[in-house]
C-alpha atoms as a PDB file:
ATOM      1  CA  MET A   1      13.298   1.200   1.973  1.00  0.00           C
ATOM      2  CA  ARG A   2      10.673  -0.842  -0.363  1.00  0.00           C
ATOM      3  CA  VAL A   3       8.191   1.378  -2.369  1.00  0.00           C
ATOM      4  CA  LYS A   4       4.527   0.177  -2.959  1.00  0.00           C
ATOM      5  CA  ILE A   5       2.728   2.454  -5.548  1.00  0.00           C
ATOM      6  CA  CYS A   6      -0.960   1.427  -4.710  1.00  0.00           C
ATOM      7  CA  GLY A   7      -4.112   2.506  -7.051  1.00  0.00           C
ATOM      8  CA  ILE A   8      -2.830   0.872 -10.000  1.00  0.00           C
ATOM      9  CA  THR A   9      -5.799   0.750 -12.739  1.00  0.00           C
ATOM     10  CA  ASN A  10      -3.744   0.242 -16.146  1.00  0.00           C
ATOM     11  CA  LEU A  11      -0.968  -1.891 -17.554  1.00  0.00           C
ATOM     12  CA  GLN A  12       1.385   1.296 -18.301  1.00  0.00           C
ATOM     13  CA  ASP A  13       1.115   2.732 -14.809  1.00  0.00           C
ATOM     14  CA  ALA A  14       2.078  -0.950 -13.533  1.00  0.00           C
ATOM     15  CA  LEU A  15       5.205  -1.222 -15.907  1.00  0.00           C
ATOM     16  CA  ASP A  16       6.329   2.656 -15.491  1.00  0.00           C
ATOM     17  CA  ALA A  17       6.401   2.141 -11.513  1.00  0.00           C
ATOM     18  CA  LEU A  18       8.320  -1.285 -12.090  1.00  0.00           C
ATOM     19  CA  ASP A  19      10.887   0.512 -14.270  1.00  0.00           C
ATOM     20  CA  ALA A  20      11.246   3.121 -11.926  1.00  0.00           C
ATOM     21  CA  GLY A  21      12.159   0.700  -9.146  1.00  0.00           C
ATOM     22  CA  ALA A  22       8.616  -0.031  -7.357  1.00  0.00           C
ATOM     23  CA  ASP A  23       8.983  -3.219  -5.194  1.00  0.00           C
ATOM     24  CA  ALA A  24       5.088  -3.763  -4.851  1.00  0.00           C
ATOM     25  CA  LEU A  25       2.046  -2.554  -6.858  1.00  0.00           C
ATOM     26  CA  GLY A  26      -1.341  -2.150  -5.061  1.00  0.00           C
ATOM     27  CA  PHE A  27      -4.774  -2.875  -6.832  1.00  0.00           C
ATOM     28  CA  VAL A  28      -7.781  -1.455  -5.114  1.00  0.00           C
ATOM     29  CA  PHE A  29     -10.581  -3.793  -4.909  1.00  0.00           C
ATOM     30  CA  TYR A  30     -13.065  -1.561  -3.100  1.00  0.00           C
ATOM     31  CA  GLU A  31     -16.124  -0.456  -5.205  1.00  0.00           C
ATOM     32  CA  LYS A  32     -16.486   3.082  -3.843  1.00  0.00           C
ATOM     33  CA  SER A  33     -12.709   4.203  -4.385  1.00  0.00           C
ATOM     34  CA  PRO A  34     -12.177   6.380  -7.488  1.00  0.00           C
ATOM     35  CA  ARG A  35      -9.195   3.868  -8.030  1.00  0.00           C
ATOM     36  CA  TYR A  36     -11.155   0.495  -8.022  1.00  0.00           C
ATOM     37  CA  ILE A  37     -10.269  -1.932 -10.363  1.00  0.00           C
ATOM     38  CA  SER A  38     -11.970  -5.341 -10.994  1.00  0.00           C
ATOM     39  CA  PRO A  39     -10.496  -8.469 -10.422  1.00  0.00           C
ATOM     40  CA  LEU A  40     -10.574  -9.684 -14.049  1.00  0.00           C
ATOM     41  CA  LYS A  41      -8.903  -5.961 -15.269  1.00  0.00           C
ATOM     42  CA  ALA A  42      -6.399  -6.801 -12.169  1.00  0.00           C
ATOM     43  CA  ARG A  43      -5.479 -10.320 -13.532  1.00  0.00           C
ATOM     44  CA  ASP A  44      -4.946  -9.016 -17.085  1.00  0.00           C
ATOM     45  CA  ILE A  45      -2.482  -6.469 -15.818  1.00  0.00           C
ATOM     46  CA  ILE A  46      -0.655  -8.986 -13.236  1.00  0.00           C
ATOM     47  CA  ARG A  47      -0.228 -11.486 -15.871  1.00  0.00           C
ATOM     48  CA  LYS A  48       1.768  -9.026 -18.077  1.00  0.00           C
ATOM     49  CA  LEU A  49       3.907  -8.275 -15.113  1.00  0.00           C
ATOM     50  CA  PRO A  50       7.479  -9.507 -14.803  1.00  0.00           C
ATOM     51  CA  PRO A  51       8.524 -12.130 -11.752  1.00  0.00           C
ATOM     52  CA  PHE A  52       9.170 -11.346  -8.552  1.00  0.00           C
ATOM     53  CA  VAL A  53       6.706  -8.397  -8.326  1.00  0.00           C
ATOM     54  CA  GLU A  54       5.007  -8.157  -4.979  1.00  0.00           C
ATOM     55  CA  ARG A  55       0.779  -7.870  -6.231  1.00  0.00           C
ATOM     56  CA  VAL A  56      -0.914  -6.523  -3.192  1.00  0.00           C
ATOM     57  CA  GLY A  57      -4.805  -6.374  -3.275  1.00  0.00           C
ATOM     58  CA  LEU A  58      -6.810  -3.819  -1.046  1.00  0.00           C
ATOM     59  CA  PHE A  59      -9.811  -4.683   0.780  1.00  0.00           C
ATOM     60  CA  VAL A  60     -12.545  -2.933   2.868  1.00  0.00           C
ATOM     61  CA  ASN A  61     -15.288  -4.636   5.079  1.00  0.00           C
ATOM     62  CA  VAL A  62     -15.393  -8.118   3.067  1.00  0.00           C
ATOM     63  CA  ASP A  63     -15.336 -11.491   4.331  1.00  0.00           C
ATOM     64  CA  SER A  64     -12.393 -13.876   3.884  1.00  0.00           C
ATOM     65  CA  ARG A  65     -14.334 -16.120   1.281  1.00  0.00           C
ATOM     66  CA  GLU A  66     -14.783 -12.890  -0.896  1.00  0.00           C
ATOM     67  CA  ILE A  67     -10.935 -12.001  -0.403  1.00  0.00           C
ATOM     68  CA  ASN A  68      -9.901 -15.625  -1.444  1.00  0.00           C
ATOM     69  CA  GLU A  69     -11.946 -15.648  -4.460  1.00  0.00           C
ATOM     70  CA  ILE A  70     -10.885 -12.325  -5.540  1.00  0.00           C
ATOM     71  CA  ALA A  71      -6.968 -13.345  -4.961  1.00  0.00           C
ATOM     72  CA  LYS A  72      -7.545 -16.457  -7.306  1.00  0.00           C
ATOM     73  CA  ILE A  73      -9.000 -14.609  -9.870  1.00  0.00           C
ATOM     74  CA  ALA A  74      -6.877 -11.424  -9.624  1.00  0.00           C
ATOM     75  CA  GLN A  75      -3.765 -13.697  -8.897  1.00  0.00           C
ATOM     76  CA  ILE A  76      -2.570 -11.185  -6.267  1.00  0.00           C
ATOM     77  CA  SER A  77       0.024 -12.258  -3.811  1.00  0.00           C
ATOM     78  CA  LEU A  78      -0.782 -10.441  -0.683  1.00  0.00           C
ATOM     79  CA  ALA A  79      -4.076  -9.225   0.809  1.00  0.00           C
ATOM     80  CA  GLN A  80      -4.160  -5.856   2.611  1.00  0.00           C
ATOM     81  CA  ILE A  81      -6.801  -5.592   5.051  1.00  0.00           C
ATOM     82  CA  HIS A  82      -8.074  -2.181   5.933  1.00  0.00           C
ATOM     83  CA  PHE A  83     -10.640  -2.915   8.516  1.00  0.00           C
ATOM     84  CA  GLU A  84     -10.970  -4.529  11.794  1.00  0.00           C
ATOM     85  CA  ALA A  85     -11.243  -8.531  11.866  1.00  0.00           C
ATOM     86  CA  ASP A  86     -10.844 -11.256  14.470  1.00  0.00           C
ATOM     87  CA  GLU A  87      -8.524 -14.117  14.348  1.00  0.00           C
ATOM     88  CA  SER A  88     -11.118 -16.437  12.833  1.00  0.00           C
ATOM     89  CA  PHE A  89     -11.090 -14.333   9.794  1.00  0.00           C
ATOM     90  CA  TYR A  90      -7.317 -14.162   9.459  1.00  0.00           C
ATOM     91  CA  LYS A  91      -7.391 -17.893   9.796  1.00  0.00           C
ATOM     92  CA  LYS A  92      -9.580 -18.568   6.620  1.00  0.00           C
ATOM     93  CA  LEU A  93      -7.612 -16.465   4.344  1.00  0.00           C
ATOM     94  CA  GLU A  94      -5.652 -18.590   1.832  1.00  0.00           C
ATOM     95  CA  ILE A  95      -3.017 -16.041   0.932  1.00  0.00           C
ATOM     96  CA  PRO A  96      -0.633 -13.707   3.076  1.00  0.00           C
ATOM     97  CA  HIS A  97      -2.035 -10.904   4.604  1.00  0.00           C
ATOM     98  CA  LEU A  98      -0.956  -7.176   5.820  1.00  0.00           C
ATOM     99  CA  LYS A  99      -2.825  -5.487   8.322  1.00  0.00           C
ATOM    100  CA  VAL A 100      -3.330  -1.721   8.293  1.00  0.00           C
ATOM    101  CA  ILE A 101      -3.725   0.780  11.271  1.00  0.00           C
ATOM    102  CA  ARG A 102      -5.677   3.740  10.587  1.00  0.00           C
ATOM    103  CA  ALA A 103      -4.067   5.664  13.429  1.00  0.00           C
ATOM    104  CA  LYS A 104      -6.053   8.424  14.977  1.00  0.00           C
ATOM    105  CA  SER A 105      -3.420   8.663  18.103  1.00  0.00           C
ATOM    106  CA  LYS A 106      -0.005   7.564  18.627  1.00  0.00           C
ATOM    107  CA  GLU A 107      -1.202   4.476  20.836  1.00  0.00           C
ATOM    108  CA  ASP A 108      -2.833   3.288  17.728  1.00  0.00           C
ATOM    109  CA  ILE A 109       0.301   2.651  15.966  1.00  0.00           C
ATOM    110  CA  PHE A 110       1.766   0.078  18.976  1.00  0.00           C
ATOM    111  CA  ALA A 111      -1.004  -2.763  17.621  1.00  0.00           C
ATOM    112  CA  TYR A 112       0.291  -5.789  15.807  1.00  0.00           C
ATOM    113  CA  ARG A 113       3.841  -4.700  16.802  1.00  0.00           C
ATOM    114  CA  ASP A 114       5.178  -8.148  16.069  1.00  0.00           C
ATOM    115  CA  GLU A 115       3.846  -8.171  12.590  1.00  0.00           C
ATOM    116  CA  TYR A 116       4.557  -6.414   9.537  1.00  0.00           C
ATOM    117  CA  ARG A 117       1.819  -3.926   9.073  1.00  0.00           C
ATOM    118  CA  LEU A 118       0.799  -0.727   7.037  1.00  0.00           C
ATOM    119  CA  VAL A 119       0.300   2.663   9.032  1.00  0.00           C
ATOM    120  CA  ASP A 120      -1.834   5.143   7.578  1.00  0.00           C
ATOM    121  CA  SER A 121      -3.970   8.251   9.290  1.00  0.00           C
ATOM    122  CA  PHE A 122      -7.498   7.902   9.899  1.00  0.00           C
ATOM    123  CA  VAL A 123      -9.533   9.217   7.188  1.00  0.00           C
ATOM    124  CA  GLU A 124     -13.551   8.976   6.940  1.00  0.00           C
ATOM    125  CA  GLY A 125     -12.915   7.065   3.685  1.00  0.00           C
ATOM    126  CA  TYR A 126     -10.600   4.728   2.691  1.00  0.00           C
ATOM    127  CA  GLY A 127      -7.144   5.568   1.473  1.00  0.00           C
ATOM    128  CA  GLY A 128      -5.733   7.997  -0.956  1.00  0.00           C
ATOM    129  CA  GLU A 129      -6.713  11.326   0.606  1.00  0.00           C
ATOM    130  CA  GLY A 130      -2.965  12.375   1.429  1.00  0.00           C
ATOM    131  CA  LYS A 131      -3.227  12.960   5.344  1.00  0.00           C
ATOM    132  CA  ARG A 132      -0.088  13.136   6.912  1.00  0.00           C
ATOM    133  CA  LEU A 133       0.869  11.132  10.210  1.00  0.00           C
ATOM    134  CA  ALA A 134       2.710  13.201  12.959  1.00  0.00           C
ATOM    135  CA  LEU A 135       6.363  11.643  12.348  1.00  0.00           C
ATOM    136  CA  GLU A 136       6.996  12.614  16.053  1.00  0.00           C
ATOM    137  CA  TRP A 137       5.052   9.612  16.924  1.00  0.00           C
ATOM    138  CA  PHE A 138       7.548   7.082  15.730  1.00  0.00           C
ATOM    139  CA  LYS A 139      10.630   8.314  17.476  1.00  0.00           C
ATOM    140  CA  GLY A 140      12.137   5.959  19.896  1.00  0.00           C
ATOM    141  CA  MET A 141      10.040   3.172  18.563  1.00  0.00           C
ATOM    142  CA  ASP A 142      11.392   0.112  16.531  1.00  0.00           C
ATOM    143  CA  CYS A 143       9.886   0.816  13.029  1.00  0.00           C
ATOM    144  CA  SER A 144      11.460  -1.984  11.056  1.00  0.00           C
ATOM    145  CA  LYS A 145       7.916  -3.651  10.436  1.00  0.00           C
ATOM    146  CA  ILE A 146       6.322  -0.690   9.608  1.00  0.00           C
ATOM    147  CA  ILE A 147       5.258   0.330   5.823  1.00  0.00           C
ATOM    148  CA  LEU A 148       4.275   4.109   6.300  1.00  0.00           C
ATOM    149  CA  ALA A 149       1.418   5.607   4.374  1.00  0.00           C
ATOM    150  CA  GLY A 150      -0.481   8.909   4.276  1.00  0.00           C
ATOM    151  CA  GLY A 151       0.636  12.053   2.643  1.00  0.00           C
ATOM    152  CA  LEU A 152       4.156  11.204   1.336  1.00  0.00           C
ATOM    153  CA  ASP A 153       5.812  12.795  -1.537  1.00  0.00           C
ATOM    154  CA  GLU A 154       8.966  13.256  -3.272  1.00  0.00           C
ATOM    155  CA  LYS A 155       9.643  16.443  -1.031  1.00  0.00           C
ATOM    156  CA  ASN A 156       8.802  15.011   2.134  1.00  0.00           C
ATOM    157  CA  VAL A 157       9.863  11.351   1.968  1.00  0.00           C
ATOM    158  CA  GLN A 158      13.280  11.802   2.875  1.00  0.00           C
ATOM    159  CA  GLU A 159      12.143  13.139   6.281  1.00  0.00           C
ATOM    160  CA  VAL A 160      11.148   9.820   7.213  1.00  0.00           C
ATOM    161  CA  ARG A 161      14.546   7.840   6.571  1.00  0.00           C
ATOM    162  CA  GLU A 162      15.964   8.061   9.972  1.00  0.00           C
ATOM    163  CA  PHE A 163      12.964   6.163  11.620  1.00  0.00           C
ATOM    164  CA  GLY A 164      14.033   2.891   9.469  1.00  0.00           C
ATOM    165  CA  PHE A 165      10.814   2.113   8.207  1.00  0.00           C
ATOM    166  CA  TYR A 166      10.571  -1.308   6.510  1.00  0.00           C
ATOM    167  CA  GLY A 167       8.908   0.853   3.491  1.00  0.00           C
ATOM    168  CA  VAL A 168       6.412   3.481   2.301  1.00  0.00           C
ATOM    169  CA  ASP A 169       3.103   3.321   0.369  1.00  0.00           C
ATOM    170  CA  VAL A 170       1.804   6.096  -1.815  1.00  0.00           C
ATOM    171  CA  SER A 171      -1.104   6.494  -4.141  1.00  0.00           C
ATOM    172  CA  SER A 172      -2.667  10.287  -4.570  1.00  0.00           C
ATOM    173  CA  SER A 173       0.503  12.124  -4.748  1.00  0.00           C
ATOM    174  CA  VAL A 174       1.985  10.384  -7.598  1.00  0.00           C
ATOM    175  CA  GLU A 175      -1.243  10.717  -9.710  1.00  0.00           C
ATOM    176  CA  LYS A 176      -1.932  12.976 -12.343  1.00  0.00           C
ATOM    177  CA  SER A 177      -5.860  12.145 -11.787  1.00  0.00           C
ATOM    178  CA  LYS A 178      -7.521   9.583  -9.486  1.00  0.00           C
ATOM    179  CA  GLY A 179      -6.503   6.385 -10.725  1.00  0.00           C
ATOM    180  CA  LYS A 180      -3.940   7.609 -13.330  1.00  0.00           C
ATOM    181  CA  LYS A 181      -0.386   7.806 -12.368  1.00  0.00           C
ATOM    182  CA  ASP A 182       2.018  10.587 -13.308  1.00  0.00           C
ATOM    183  CA  LYS A 183       5.308   8.706 -14.446  1.00  0.00           C
ATOM    184  CA  MET A 184       7.544  11.730 -13.378  1.00  0.00           C
ATOM    185  CA  LYS A 185       6.090  11.954 -10.014  1.00  0.00           C
ATOM    186  CA  VAL A 186       6.379   8.114  -9.653  1.00  0.00           C
ATOM    187  CA  GLU A 187       9.993   8.155 -10.871  1.00  0.00           C
ATOM    188  CA  ASN A 188      10.929  11.082  -8.651  1.00  0.00           C
ATOM    189  CA  PHE A 189       9.344   9.633  -5.426  1.00  0.00           C
ATOM    190  CA  ILE A 190      11.033   6.084  -5.805  1.00  0.00           C
ATOM    191  CA  LYS A 191      14.311   7.924  -6.658  1.00  0.00           C
ATOM    192  CA  ALA A 192      13.790  10.116  -3.454  1.00  0.00           C
ATOM    193  CA  VAL A 193      13.192   7.007  -1.365  1.00  0.00           C
ATOM    194  CA  LYS A 194      15.844   4.871  -2.776  1.00  0.00           C
ATOM    195  CA  VAL A 195      18.554   7.314  -2.735  1.00  0.00           C
ATOM    196  CA  ALA A 196      17.499   8.111   0.708  1.00  0.00           C
ATOM    197  CA  SER A 197      17.877   4.391   1.612  1.00  0.00           C
ATOM    198  CA  ILE A 198      21.704   4.226   0.581  1.00  0.00           C
END
């Protein structure tokens, strides 16, 4: 399984995550989030990263033009879309995108089933609240294009391996405080995922 460490706000956390084996880093461009980072600060971090790292920007309730502009400034490689949008919105995006399903019920996880998508549990806010999804919802379905988020940590992440998810996304459970990662928690989480994937 691939691993994305989300809510990166500083270079050291980014480098620690990559050293531990992260495949992607997430940068939150949602100003109401305690993990918000400005496009310029994200760019300063991204410019110091090694090659072949997926750089994901998280967006909430903005138009495609603003996403395109931030993507250019910050040099992100993928836009993670945390809100409902129509096809014309996606057609105007100038970088690849990942749709997010904020699931309230089992029926929700079948949306966009032919696309890679991120599935998180619905909360009133946007992300980083550590609420877990019911794993039984995924029994018997093809999960190979799903990135699972919400309430994962080093102790429970091995429970998801039997489902064959494409990847997992984590933020709050590997933090010391909001926006600051705990190096050991990051290492232990990624180790649990990668060992589970062998």
